[in-house]
C-alpha atoms as a PDB file:
ATOM      1  CA  MET A   1      11.567 186.224 -55.312  1.00  0.00           C
ATOM      2  CA  ASN A   2      14.115 184.443 -57.515  1.00  0.00           C
ATOM      3  CA  ARG A   3      13.997 180.643 -57.458  1.00  0.00           C
ATOM      4  CA  GLU A   4      16.692 178.502 -59.056  1.00  0.00           C
ATOM      5  CA  ALA A   5      14.579 175.329 -59.122  1.00  0.00           C
ATOM      6  CA  PRO A   6      10.915 176.302 -59.348  1.00  0.00           C
ATOM      7  CA  PHE A   7       8.258 173.958 -58.115  1.00  0.00           C
ATOM      8  CA  LEU A   8       5.724 173.001 -60.750  1.00  0.00           C
ATOM      9  CA  THR A   9       2.118 171.975 -60.251  1.00  0.00           C
ATOM     10  CA  ILE A  10       0.321 168.978 -61.700  1.00  0.00           C
ATOM     11  CA  SER A  11      -1.278 171.259 -64.307  1.00  0.00           C
ATOM     12  CA  GLU A  12       2.054 172.713 -65.403  1.00  0.00           C
ATOM     13  CA  VAL A  13       3.781 169.343 -65.729  1.00  0.00           C
ATOM     14  CA  SER A  14       0.689 167.899 -67.401  1.00  0.00           C
ATOM     15  CA  ALA A  15       0.881 170.594 -70.088  1.00  0.00           C
ATOM     16  CA  TRP A  16       4.663 170.213 -70.410  1.00  0.00           C
ATOM     17  CA  LEU A  17       4.573 166.423 -70.850  1.00  0.00           C
ATOM     18  CA  GLN A  18       1.226 166.403 -72.658  1.00  0.00           C
ATOM     19  CA  VAL A  19      -0.249 163.777 -70.359  1.00  0.00           C
ATOM     20  CA  LYS A  20      -3.451 163.873 -68.351  1.00  0.00           C
ATOM     21  CA  PRO A  21      -3.258 165.050 -64.741  1.00  0.00           C
ATOM     22  CA  GLY A  22      -4.640 161.673 -63.642  1.00  0.00           C
ATOM     23  CA  THR A  23      -1.662 159.979 -65.263  1.00  0.00           C
ATOM     24  CA  LEU A  24       0.720 162.177 -63.272  1.00  0.00           C
ATOM     25  CA  TYR A  25      -1.112 161.380 -60.039  1.00  0.00           C
ATOM     26  CA  ALA A  26      -0.813 157.661 -60.835  1.00  0.00           C
ATOM     27  CA  TRP A  27       2.881 157.917 -61.735  1.00  0.00           C
ATOM     28  CA  ALA A  28       3.582 159.858 -58.538  1.00  0.00           C
ATOM     29  CA  SER A  29       1.744 157.332 -56.353  1.00  0.00           C
ATOM     30  CA  GLN A  30       3.642 154.487 -58.052  1.00  0.00           C
ATOM     31  CA  GLY A  31       6.996 156.262 -57.667  1.00  0.00           C
ATOM     32  CA  LYS A  32       7.520 156.429 -61.428  1.00  0.00           C
ATOM     33  CA  ILE A  33       8.169 160.174 -61.576  1.00  0.00           C
ATOM     34  CA  PRO A  34      10.236 162.330 -59.207  1.00  0.00           C
ATOM     35  CA  HIS A  35       8.006 164.534 -57.052  1.00  0.00           C
ATOM     36  CA  LEU A  36       7.582 166.133 -53.663  1.00  0.00           C
ATOM     37  CA  LYS A  37       4.545 165.937 -51.457  1.00  0.00           C
ATOM     38  CA  VAL A  38       3.932 169.105 -49.458  1.00  0.00           C
ATOM     39  CA  HIS A  39       0.974 168.812 -47.072  1.00  0.00           C
ATOM     40  CA  GLY A  40      -0.750 166.482 -49.508  1.00  0.00           C
ATOM     41  CA  LEU A  41       0.015 168.580 -52.605  1.00  0.00           C
ATOM     42  CA  ILE A  42       2.197 167.074 -55.321  1.00  0.00           C
ATOM     43  CA  ARG A  43       4.912 169.362 -56.657  1.00  0.00           C
ATOM     44  CA  PHE A  44       7.702 168.808 -59.157  1.00  0.00           C
ATOM     45  CA  GLN A  45      11.125 170.357 -59.679  1.00  0.00           C
ATOM     46  CA  ALA A  46      11.797 171.261 -63.300  1.00  0.00           C
ATOM     47  CA  ASP A  47      15.422 170.085 -63.272  1.00  0.00           C
ATOM     48  CA  GLU A  48      14.443 166.684 -61.827  1.00  0.00           C
ATOM     49  CA  ILE A  49      11.725 166.229 -64.446  1.00  0.00           C
ATOM     50  CA  GLN A  50      14.212 167.143 -67.183  1.00  0.00           C
ATOM     51  CA  GLN A  51      16.705 164.574 -65.867  1.00  0.00           C
ATOM     52  CA  TRP A  52      13.927 161.994 -65.644  1.00  0.00           C
ATOM     53  CA  LEU A  53      12.977 162.671 -69.267  1.00  0.00           C
ATOM     54  CA  THR A  54      16.600 162.403 -70.353  1.00  0.00           C
ATOM     55  CA  SER A  55      16.806 158.952 -68.762  1.00  0.00           C
ATOM     56  CA  PHE A  56      14.383 157.686 -71.419  1.00  0.00           C
ATOM     57  CA  HIS A  57      16.600 158.777 -74.312  1.00  0.00           C
ATOM     58  CA  PRO A  58      17.715 155.779 -76.415  1.00  0.00           C
ATOM     59  CA  GLN A  59      21.382 156.601 -75.759  1.00  0.00           C
ATOM     60  CA  ASN A  60      20.797 156.045 -72.049  1.00  0.00           C
ATOM     61  CA  ALA A  61      18.895 152.802 -72.478  1.00  0.00           C
ATOM     62  CA  ASN A  62      20.551 149.475 -71.868  1.00  0.00           C
ATOM     63  CA  PRO A  63      18.534 147.043 -73.938  1.00  0.00           C
ATOM     64  CA  LEU A  64      17.962 143.672 -72.385  1.00  0.00           C
ATOM     65  CA  LYS A  65      19.758 140.999 -74.350  1.00  0.00           C
ATOM     66  CA  LEU A  66      18.285 137.567 -74.014  1.00  0.00           C
ATOM     67  CA  LYS A  67      20.561 134.599 -74.037  1.00  0.00           C
ATOM     68  CA  GLY A  68      19.353 131.244 -75.058  1.00  0.00           C
ATOM     69  CA  LYS A  69      19.373 128.504 -77.621  1.00  0.00           C
ATOM     70  CA  LYS A  70      18.450 129.127 -81.203  1.00  0.00           C
ATOM     71  CA  SER A  71      15.687 126.922 -82.445  1.00  0.00           C
ATOM     72  CA  ASP A  72      14.608 127.138 -86.087  1.00  0.00           C
ATOM     73  CA  GLY A  73      15.854 130.728 -86.311  1.00  0.00           C
ATOM     74  CA  LEU A  74      14.031 131.740 -83.129  1.00  0.00           C
ATOM     75  CA  ASN A  75      15.638 132.529 -79.822  1.00  0.00           C
ATOM     76  CA  TYR A  76      14.521 130.783 -76.663  1.00  0.00           C
ATOM     77  CA  LEU A  77      12.000 133.464 -75.659  1.00  0.00           C
ATOM     78  CA  ASP A  78      10.398 133.463 -79.116  1.00  0.00           C
ATOM     79  CA  THR A  79      10.007 129.694 -78.871  1.00  0.00           C
ATOM     80  CA  ILE A  80       8.268 130.019 -75.490  1.00  0.00           C
ATOM     81  CA  ILE A  81       5.894 132.662 -76.889  1.00  0.00           C
ATOM     82  CA  VAL A  82       5.025 130.502 -79.898  1.00  0.00           C
ATOM     83  CA  ARG A  83       4.258 127.531 -77.636  1.00  0.00           C
ATOM     84  CA  ALA A  84       2.142 129.643 -75.289  1.00  0.00           C
ATOM     85  CA  LYS A  85       0.104 130.953 -78.218  1.00  0.00           C
ATOM     86  CA  GLN A  86      -0.418 127.433 -79.509  1.00  0.00           C
ATOM     87  CA  GLU A  87      -1.689 126.316 -76.117  1.00  0.00           C
ATOM     88  CA  ALA A  88      -3.938 129.366 -75.730  1.00  0.00           C
ATOM     89  CA  TYR A  89      -5.493 128.997 -79.149  1.00  0.00           C
ATOM     90  CA  ASN A  90      -6.369 125.325 -78.962  1.00  0.00           C
ATOM     91  CA  SER A  91      -9.312 123.572 -80.583  1.00  0.00           C
ATOM     92  CA  ASN A  92     -11.627 124.778 -77.781  1.00  0.00           C
ATOM     93  CA  ARG A  93     -11.430 128.314 -79.230  1.00  0.00           C
ATOM     94  CA  GLY A  94      -9.013 129.531 -76.611  1.00  0.00           C
ATOM     95  CA  LYS A  95     -10.968 128.188 -73.639  1.00  0.00           C
ATOM     96  CA  PRO A  96      -8.877 125.894 -71.456  1.00  0.00           C
ATOM     97  CA  ASP A  97     -10.548 122.607 -70.665  1.00  0.00           C
ATOM     98  CA  HIS A  98      -8.691 122.133 -67.349  1.00  0.00           C
ATOM     99  CA  GLY A  99      -8.525 118.396 -68.029  1.00  0.00           C
ATOM    100  CA  ARG A 100     -12.284 117.856 -67.486  1.00  0.00           C
ATOM    101  CA  THR A 101     -14.877 116.181 -69.604  1.00  0.00           C
ATOM    102  CA  ARG A 102     -18.375 117.586 -69.998  1.00  0.00           C
ATOM    103  CA  LYS A 103     -19.834 114.849 -67.811  1.00  0.00           C
ATOM    104  CA  GLU A 104     -17.498 115.671 -64.909  1.00  0.00           C
ATOM    105  CA  GLY A 105     -18.870 119.170 -64.544  1.00  0.00           C
ATOM    106  CA  ARG A 106     -17.307 121.926 -62.515  1.00  0.00           C
ATOM    107  CA  HIS A 107     -16.123 119.981 -59.515  1.00  0.00           C
ATOM    108  CA  GLY A 108     -14.902 116.901 -61.351  1.00  0.00           C
ATOM    109  CA  ILE A 109     -17.677 114.716 -59.952  1.00  0.00           C
END
């Protein structure tokens, strides 16, 4: 029997992509990789997997360009990240105080 688009198993695609079978099961369940489900069995078409792989090539990528104000040589997103880090790594060793004092306890009483 001659097949133009052979169906591949999890094991075959796992070896081809050099990823664990569990990763393929997860990608399939999340809709991240093209697949077919035949009576509960996951199968792949080689040409669809090849197209999927090609979609990750840098030539096909459209990098996200962030627009925003420049602040001290940083763009807006960099400024937000710097501020978030400063807040996370406060004097309480990274533990937020939630605006409570020690005497107030958990429920603010």
